[in-house]
Amino acid sequence: MSKTEEVTLSSKGQLVIPKLMREQLKMQAGSRMIVKRQDNLILLIPKPKDPLEAMIALGRRLKLGDMREEIKKHRRMEHR
């Protein structure tokens, strides 16, 4: 599900993530995020509490062919 919201950057460089998005992503005060710049975009990626468990769960959802394609896509994005 993709949704777009407009937020305002504060004088301290802070953003407020809309409440509905925080609830949908199960984010709470103190949740960690990974911030990545990709061309003219800033990506905010929720950091999993247990990265190993997140990778295992991802592996259960992907087929081997899908995983290879995802790796290729990621490498193409990294080289931009």
PDB file of N, CA and C in Angstrom:
ATOM      1  N   MET A   1       0.846  -1.174   0.000  1.00  0.00           N
ATOM      2  CA  MET A   1       0.000   0.000   0.000  1.00  0.00           C
ATOM      3  C   MET A   1       0.891   1.237   0.000  1.00  0.00           C
ATOM      4  N   SER A   2       0.707   2.089  -0.953  1.00  0.00           N
ATOM      5  CA  SER A   2       1.517   3.285  -1.061  1.00  0.00           C
ATOM      6  C   SER A   2       0.649   4.497  -0.777  1.00  0.00           C
ATOM      7  N   LYS A   3       1.155   5.384   0.039  1.00  0.00           N
ATOM      8  CA  LYS A   3       0.418   6.587   0.371  1.00  0.00           C
ATOM      9  C   LYS A   3       1.401   7.744   0.433  1.00  0.00           C
ATOM     10  N   THR A   4       0.960   8.898  -0.017  1.00  0.00           N
ATOM     11  CA  THR A   4       1.813  10.081  -0.019  1.00  0.00           C
ATOM     12  C   THR A   4       1.228  11.113   0.931  1.00  0.00           C
ATOM     13  N   GLU A   5       2.060  11.684   1.759  1.00  0.00           N
ATOM     14  CA  GLU A   5       1.674  12.750   2.686  1.00  0.00           C
ATOM     15  C   GLU A   5       2.710  13.853   2.586  1.00  0.00           C
ATOM     16  N   GLU A   6       2.318  15.058   2.878  1.00  0.00           N
ATOM     17  CA  GLU A   6       3.249  16.176   2.908  1.00  0.00           C
ATOM     18  C   GLU A   6       3.589  16.486   4.358  1.00  0.00           C
ATOM     19  N   VAL A   7       4.879  16.651   4.637  1.00  0.00           N
ATOM     20  CA  VAL A   7       5.343  17.014   5.978  1.00  0.00           C
ATOM     21  C   VAL A   7       6.268  18.218   5.850  1.00  0.00           C
ATOM     22  N   THR A   8       6.529  18.877   6.974  1.00  0.00           N
ATOM     23  CA  THR A   8       7.363  20.078   6.973  1.00  0.00           C
ATOM     24  C   THR A   8       8.600  19.836   7.821  1.00  0.00           C
ATOM     25  N   LEU A   9       9.739  20.229   7.305  1.00  0.00           N
ATOM     26  CA  LEU A   9      10.999  20.116   8.022  1.00  0.00           C
ATOM     27  C   LEU A   9      11.085  21.259   9.035  1.00  0.00           C
ATOM     28  N   SER A  10      11.362  20.919  10.304  1.00  0.00           N
ATOM     29  CA  SER A  10      11.467  21.950  11.338  1.00  0.00           C
ATOM     30  C   SER A  10      12.829  22.638  11.269  1.00  0.00           C
ATOM     31  N   SER A  11      12.974  23.705  12.026  1.00  0.00           N
ATOM     32  CA  SER A  11      14.250  24.430  12.055  1.00  0.00           C
ATOM     33  C   SER A  11      15.363  23.567  12.638  1.00  0.00           C
ATOM     34  N   LYS A  12      15.001  22.494  13.344  1.00  0.00           N
ATOM     35  CA  LYS A  12      15.988  21.563  13.909  1.00  0.00           C
ATOM     36  C   LYS A  12      16.243  20.367  12.987  1.00  0.00           C
ATOM     37  N   GLY A  13      15.653  20.398  11.786  1.00  0.00           N
ATOM     38  CA  GLY A  13      15.855  19.298  10.845  1.00  0.00           C
ATOM     39  C   GLY A  13      14.983  18.093  11.127  1.00  0.00           C
ATOM     40  N   GLN A  14      13.894  18.266  11.872  1.00  0.00           N
ATOM     41  CA  GLN A  14      13.032  17.156  12.249  1.00  0.00           C
ATOM     42  C   GLN A  14      11.796  17.089  11.361  1.00  0.00           C
ATOM     43  N   LEU A  15      11.323  15.867  11.140  1.00  0.00           N
ATOM     44  CA  LEU A  15      10.081  15.610  10.421  1.00  0.00           C
ATOM     45  C   LEU A  15       9.153  14.833  11.336  1.00  0.00           C
ATOM     46  N   VAL A  16       7.854  15.023  11.162  1.00  0.00           N
ATOM     47  CA  VAL A  16       6.882  14.204  11.877  1.00  0.00           C
ATOM     48  C   VAL A  16       6.289  13.232  10.870  1.00  0.00           C
ATOM     49  N   ILE A  17       6.419  11.939  11.147  1.00  0.00           N
ATOM     50  CA  ILE A  17       5.822  10.917  10.286  1.00  0.00           C
ATOM     51  C   ILE A  17       4.346  10.840  10.666  1.00  0.00           C
ATOM     52  N   PRO A  18       3.445  10.946   9.686  1.00  0.00           N
ATOM     53  CA  PRO A  18       2.017  10.945   9.990  1.00  0.00           C
ATOM     54  C   PRO A  18       1.602   9.732  10.841  1.00  0.00           C
ATOM     55  N   LYS A  19       0.661   9.986  11.748  1.00  0.00           N
ATOM     56  CA  LYS A  19       0.232   8.987  12.721  1.00  0.00           C
ATOM     57  C   LYS A  19      -0.208   7.674  12.073  1.00  0.00           C
ATOM     58  N   LEU A  20      -1.021   7.752  11.021  1.00  0.00           N
ATOM     59  CA  LEU A  20      -1.506   6.537  10.375  1.00  0.00           C
ATOM     60  C   LEU A  20      -0.347   5.691   9.852  1.00  0.00           C
ATOM     61  N   MET A  21       0.651   6.349   9.255  1.00  0.00           N
ATOM     62  CA  MET A  21       1.816   5.606   8.756  1.00  0.00           C
ATOM     63  C   MET A  21       2.583   4.972   9.907  1.00  0.00           C
ATOM     64  N   ARG A  22       2.759   5.716  11.010  1.00  0.00           N
ATOM     65  CA  ARG A  22       3.463   5.151  12.172  1.00  0.00           C
ATOM     66  C   ARG A  22       2.721   3.933  12.700  1.00  0.00           C
ATOM     67  N   GLU A  23       1.404   4.024  12.762  1.00  0.00           N
ATOM     68  CA  GLU A  23       0.606   2.897  13.260  1.00  0.00           C
ATOM     69  C   GLU A  23       0.712   1.697  12.326  1.00  0.00           C
ATOM     70  N   GLN A  24       0.612   1.954  11.023  1.00  0.00           N
ATOM     71  CA  GLN A  24       0.678   0.860  10.052  1.00  0.00           C
ATOM     72  C   GLN A  24       2.032   0.156  10.086  1.00  0.00           C
ATOM     73  N   LEU A  25       3.100   0.915  10.347  1.00  0.00           N
ATOM     74  CA  LEU A  25       4.447   0.343  10.404  1.00  0.00           C
ATOM     75  C   LEU A  25       4.850  -0.061  11.816  1.00  0.00           C
ATOM     76  N   LYS A  26       3.900   0.081  12.754  1.00  0.00           N
ATOM     77  CA  LYS A  26       4.140  -0.285  14.165  1.00  0.00           C
ATOM     78  C   LYS A  26       5.362   0.447  14.723  1.00  0.00           C
ATOM     79  N   MET A  27       5.451   1.745  14.413  1.00  0.00           N
ATOM     80  CA  MET A  27       6.557   2.562  14.903  1.00  0.00           C
ATOM     81  C   MET A  27       6.130   3.265  16.183  1.00  0.00           C
ATOM     82  N   GLN A  28       7.067   3.342  17.119  1.00  0.00           N
ATOM     83  CA  GLN A  28       6.817   4.012  18.393  1.00  0.00           C
ATOM     84  C   GLN A  28       7.960   4.977  18.644  1.00  0.00           C
ATOM     85  N   ALA A  29       7.784   5.839  19.655  1.00  0.00           N
ATOM     86  CA  ALA A  29       8.868   6.743  20.036  1.00  0.00           C
ATOM     87  C   ALA A  29      10.120   5.907  20.296  1.00  0.00           C
ATOM     88  N   GLY A  30      11.230   6.318  19.741  1.00  0.00           N
ATOM     89  CA  GLY A  30      12.481   5.584  19.915  1.00  0.00           C
ATOM     90  C   GLY A  30      12.756   4.570  18.816  1.00  0.00           C
ATOM     91  N   SER A  31      11.784   4.351  17.919  1.00  0.00           N
ATOM     92  CA  SER A  31      12.014   3.423  16.799  1.00  0.00           C
ATOM     93  C   SER A  31      13.189   3.940  15.976  1.00  0.00           C
ATOM     94  N   ARG A  32      14.038   3.044  15.525  1.00  0.00           N
ATOM     95  CA  ARG A  32      15.224   3.415  14.751  1.00  0.00           C
ATOM     96  C   ARG A  32      14.889   3.377  13.267  1.00  0.00           C
ATOM     97  N   MET A  33      15.496   4.295  12.505  1.00  0.00           N
ATOM     98  CA  MET A  33      15.286   4.377  11.069  1.00  0.00           C
ATOM     99  C   MET A  33      16.639   4.403  10.367  1.00  0.00           C
ATOM    100  N   ILE A  34      16.661   3.900   9.164  1.00  0.00           N
ATOM    101  CA  ILE A  34      17.829   4.011   8.309  1.00  0.00           C
ATOM    102  C   ILE A  34      17.482   5.120   7.306  1.00  0.00           C
ATOM    103  N   VAL A  35      18.363   6.101   7.145  1.00  0.00           N
ATOM    104  CA  VAL A  35      18.147   7.206   6.222  1.00  0.00           C
ATOM    105  C   VAL A  35      19.112   7.025   5.057  1.00  0.00           C
ATOM    106  N   LYS A  36      18.558   6.996   3.847  1.00  0.00           N
ATOM    107  CA  LYS A  36      19.384   6.763   2.672  1.00  0.00           C
ATOM    108  C   LYS A  36      19.035   7.790   1.601  1.00  0.00           C
ATOM    109  N   ARG A  37      20.059   8.388   1.030  1.00  0.00           N
ATOM    110  CA  ARG A  37      19.849   9.299  -0.096  1.00  0.00           C
ATOM    111  C   ARG A  37      19.990   8.494  -1.374  1.00  0.00           C
ATOM    112  N   GLN A  38      18.992   8.661  -2.252  1.00  0.00           N
ATOM    113  CA  GLN A  38      19.017   7.978  -3.542  1.00  0.00           C
ATOM    114  C   GLN A  38      18.625   9.008  -4.595  1.00  0.00           C
ATOM    115  N   ASP A  39      19.607   9.508  -5.317  1.00  0.00           N
ATOM    116  CA  ASP A  39      19.413  10.601  -6.269  1.00  0.00           C
ATOM    117  C   ASP A  39      18.810  11.792  -5.523  1.00  0.00           C
ATOM    118  N   ASN A  40      17.639  12.254  -5.949  1.00  0.00           N
ATOM    119  CA  ASN A  40      16.986  13.391  -5.292  1.00  0.00           C
ATOM    120  C   ASN A  40      15.989  12.950  -4.233  1.00  0.00           C
ATOM    121  N   LEU A  41      16.038  11.701  -3.834  1.00  0.00           N
ATOM    122  CA  LEU A  41      15.101  11.167  -2.846  1.00  0.00           C
ATOM    123  C   LEU A  41      15.799  10.912  -1.522  1.00  0.00           C
ATOM    124  N   ILE A  42      15.045  11.015  -0.451  1.00  0.00           N
ATOM    125  CA  ILE A  42      15.518  10.591   0.871  1.00  0.00           C
ATOM    126  C   ILE A  42      14.603   9.452   1.294  1.00  0.00           C
ATOM    127  N   LEU A  43      15.175   8.288   1.523  1.00  0.00           N
ATOM    128  CA  LEU A  43      14.395   7.125   1.934  1.00  0.00           C
ATOM    129  C   LEU A  43      14.526   6.941   3.437  1.00  0.00           C
ATOM    130  N   LEU A  44      13.399   6.757   4.109  1.00  0.00           N
ATOM    131  CA  LEU A  44      13.383   6.423   5.535  1.00  0.00           C
ATOM    132  C   LEU A  44      12.941   4.974   5.624  1.00  0.00           C
ATOM    133  N   ILE A  45      13.811   4.127   6.136  1.00  0.00           N
ATOM    134  CA  ILE A  45      13.540   2.692   6.192  1.00  0.00           C
ATOM    135  C   ILE A  45      13.522   2.269   7.647  1.00  0.00           C
ATOM    136  N   PRO A  46      12.381   1.740   8.131  1.00  0.00           N
ATOM    137  CA  PRO A  46      12.350   1.268   9.516  1.00  0.00           C
ATOM    138  C   PRO A  46      13.405   0.183   9.726  1.00  0.00           C
ATOM    139  N   LYS A  47      14.205   0.359  10.761  1.00  0.00           N
ATOM    140  CA  LYS A  47      15.251  -0.617  11.066  1.00  0.00           C
ATOM    141  C   LYS A  47      14.628  -1.743  11.893  1.00  0.00           C
ATOM    142  N   PRO A  48      14.765  -2.974  11.436  1.00  0.00           N
ATOM    143  CA  PRO A  48      14.182  -4.082  12.204  1.00  0.00           C
ATOM    144  C   PRO A  48      14.871  -4.231  13.562  1.00  0.00           C
ATOM    145  N   LYS A  49      14.090  -4.611  14.564  1.00  0.00           N
ATOM    146  CA  LYS A  49      14.665  -4.819  15.897  1.00  0.00           C
ATOM    147  C   LYS A  49      15.651  -5.973  15.870  1.00  0.00           C
ATOM    148  N   ASP A  50      15.337  -6.990  15.081  1.00  0.00           N
ATOM    149  CA  ASP A  50      16.220  -8.145  14.950  1.00  0.00           C
ATOM    150  C   ASP A  50      16.498  -8.355  13.460  1.00  0.00           C
ATOM    151  N   PRO A  51      17.615  -7.808  12.947  1.00  0.00           N
ATOM    152  CA  PRO A  51      17.897  -7.919  11.505  1.00  0.00           C
ATOM    153  C   PRO A  51      17.957  -9.359  11.000  1.00  0.00           C
ATOM    154  N   LEU A  52      18.477 -10.261  11.790  1.00  0.00           N
ATOM    155  CA  LEU A  52      18.566 -11.655  11.354  1.00  0.00           C
ATOM    156  C   LEU A  52      17.174 -12.243  11.164  1.00  0.00           C
ATOM    157  N   GLU A  53      16.278 -11.997  12.108  1.00  0.00           N
ATOM    158  CA  GLU A  53      14.912 -12.505  11.996  1.00  0.00           C
ATOM    159  C   GLU A  53      14.207 -11.884  10.793  1.00  0.00           C
ATOM    160  N   ALA A  54      14.472 -10.612  10.528  1.00  0.00           N
ATOM    161  CA  ALA A  54      13.876  -9.941   9.362  1.00  0.00           C
ATOM    162  C   ALA A  54      14.351 -10.593   8.067  1.00  0.00           C
ATOM    163  N   MET A  55      15.630 -10.945   7.987  1.00  0.00           N
ATOM    164  CA  MET A  55      16.160 -11.615   6.792  1.00  0.00           C
ATOM    165  C   MET A  55      15.565 -13.008   6.629  1.00  0.00           C
ATOM    166  N   ILE A  56      15.406 -13.717   7.728  1.00  0.00           N
ATOM    167  CA  ILE A  56      14.808 -15.056   7.665  1.00  0.00           C
ATOM    168  C   ILE A  56      13.367 -14.955   7.168  1.00  0.00           C
ATOM    169  N   ALA A  57      12.611 -13.977   7.696  1.00  0.00           N
ATOM    170  CA  ALA A  57      11.222 -13.791   7.275  1.00  0.00           C
ATOM    171  C   ALA A  57      11.154 -13.419   5.796  1.00  0.00           C
ATOM    172  N   LEU A  58      12.072 -12.569   5.340  1.00  0.00           N
ATOM    173  CA  LEU A  58      12.122 -12.191   3.931  1.00  0.00           C
ATOM    174  C   LEU A  58      12.407 -13.415   3.072  1.00  0.00           C
ATOM    175  N   GLY A  59      13.342 -14.221   3.506  1.00  0.00           N
ATOM    176  CA  GLY A  59      13.696 -15.433   2.768  1.00  0.00           C
ATOM    177  C   GLY A  59      12.528 -16.392   2.634  1.00  0.00           C
ATOM    178  N   ARG A  60      11.661 -16.443   3.640  1.00  0.00           N
ATOM    179  CA  ARG A  60      10.483 -17.321   3.581  1.00  0.00           C
ATOM    180  C   ARG A  60       9.474 -16.838   2.545  1.00  0.00           C
ATOM    181  N   ARG A  61       9.430 -15.495   2.331  1.00  0.00           N
ATOM    182  CA  ARG A  61       8.442 -14.935   1.404  1.00  0.00           C
ATOM    183  C   ARG A  61       8.917 -14.942  -0.040  1.00  0.00           C
ATOM    184  N   LEU A  62      10.224 -14.990  -0.264  1.00  0.00           N
ATOM    185  CA  LEU A  62      10.767 -14.904  -1.626  1.00  0.00           C
ATOM    186  C   LEU A  62      11.137 -16.270  -2.168  1.00  0.00           C
ATOM    187  N   LYS A  63      10.947 -16.412  -3.453  1.00  0.00           N
ATOM    188  CA  LYS A  63      11.447 -17.593  -4.143  1.00  0.00           C
ATOM    189  C   LYS A  63      12.866 -17.269  -4.580  1.00  0.00           C
ATOM    190  N   LEU A  64      13.668 -18.255  -4.856  1.00  0.00           N
ATOM    191  CA  LEU A  64      15.061 -18.041  -5.222  1.00  0.00           C
ATOM    192  C   LEU A  64      15.195 -17.114  -6.431  1.00  0.00           C
ATOM    193  N   GLY A  65      14.369 -17.305  -7.441  1.00  0.00           N
ATOM    194  CA  GLY A  65      14.420 -16.449  -8.626  1.00  0.00           C
ATOM    195  C   GLY A  65      14.098 -15.012  -8.274  1.00  0.00           C
ATOM    196  N   ASP A  66      13.098 -14.802  -7.413  1.00  0.00           N
ATOM    197  CA  ASP A  66      12.740 -13.455  -6.975  1.00  0.00           C
ATOM    198  C   ASP A  66      13.903 -12.812  -6.237  1.00  0.00           C
ATOM    199  N   MET A  67      14.586 -13.589  -5.405  1.00  0.00           N
ATOM    200  CA  MET A  67      15.695 -13.063  -4.621  1.00  0.00           C
ATOM    201  C   MET A  67      16.835 -12.608  -5.543  1.00  0.00           C
ATOM    202  N   ARG A  68      17.112 -13.394  -6.561  1.00  0.00           N
ATOM    203  CA  ARG A  68      18.161 -13.013  -7.517  1.00  0.00           C
ATOM    204  C   ARG A  68      17.796 -11.700  -8.206  1.00  0.00           C
ATOM    205  N   GLU A  69      16.528 -11.571  -8.597  1.00  0.00           N
ATOM    206  CA  GLU A  69      16.076 -10.345  -9.260  1.00  0.00           C
ATOM    207  C   GLU A  69      16.157  -9.153  -8.308  1.00  0.00           C
ATOM    208  N   GLU A  70      15.814  -9.343  -7.057  1.00  0.00           N
ATOM    209  CA  GLU A  70      15.886  -8.266  -6.071  1.00  0.00           C
ATOM    210  C   GLU A  70      17.340  -7.818  -5.854  1.00  0.00           C
ATOM    211  N   ILE A  71      18.255  -8.760  -5.827  1.00  0.00           N
ATOM    212  CA  ILE A  71      19.678  -8.433  -5.670  1.00  0.00           C
ATOM    213  C   ILE A  71      20.153  -7.615  -6.868  1.00  0.00           C
ATOM    214  N   LYS A  72      19.772  -8.029  -8.069  1.00  0.00           N
ATOM    215  CA  LYS A  72      20.155  -7.289  -9.273  1.00  0.00           C
ATOM    216  C   LYS A  72      19.591  -5.874  -9.233  1.00  0.00           C
ATOM    217  N   LYS A  73      18.316  -5.733  -8.834  1.00  0.00           N
ATOM    218  CA  LYS A  73      17.683  -4.425  -8.755  1.00  0.00           C
ATOM    219  C   LYS A  73      18.403  -3.539  -7.741  1.00  0.00           C
ATOM    220  N   HIS A  74      18.744  -4.116  -6.605  1.00  0.00           N
ATOM    221  CA  HIS A  74      19.444  -3.367  -5.562  1.00  0.00           C
ATOM    222  C   HIS A  74      20.809  -2.899  -6.060  1.00  0.00           C
ATOM    223  N   ARG A  75      21.523  -3.770  -6.752  1.00  0.00           N
ATOM    224  CA  ARG A  75      22.853  -3.397  -7.268  1.00  0.00           C
ATOM    225  C   ARG A  75      22.745  -2.280  -8.305  1.00  0.00           C
ATOM    226  N   ARG A  76      21.703  -2.334  -9.151  1.00  0.00           N
ATOM    227  CA  ARG A  76      21.513  -1.268 -10.143  1.00  0.00           C
ATOM    228  C   ARG A  76      21.247   0.062  -9.438  1.00  0.00           C
ATOM    229  N   MET A  77      20.461   0.056  -8.373  1.00  0.00           N
ATOM    230  CA  MET A  77      20.140   1.276  -7.628  1.00  0.00           C
ATOM    231  C   MET A  77      21.379   1.824  -6.939  1.00  0.00           C
ATOM    232  N   GLU A  78      22.239   0.950  -6.447  1.00  0.00           N
ATOM    233  CA  GLU A  78      23.447   1.376  -5.751  1.00  0.00           C
ATOM    234  C   GLU A  78      24.426   2.079  -6.681  1.00  0.00           C
ATOM    235  N   HIS A  79      24.423   1.704  -7.956  1.00  0.00           N
ATOM    236  CA  HIS A  79      25.388   2.242  -8.912  1.00  0.00           C
ATOM    237  C   HIS A  79      24.912   3.521  -9.593  1.00  0.00           C
ATOM    238  N   ARG A  80      23.753   4.025  -9.208  1.00  0.00           N
ATOM    239  CA  ARG A  80      23.246   5.280  -9.789  1.00  0.00           C
ATOM    240  C   ARG A  80      23.917   6.460  -9.185  1.00  0.00           C
TER     241      ARG A  80
END
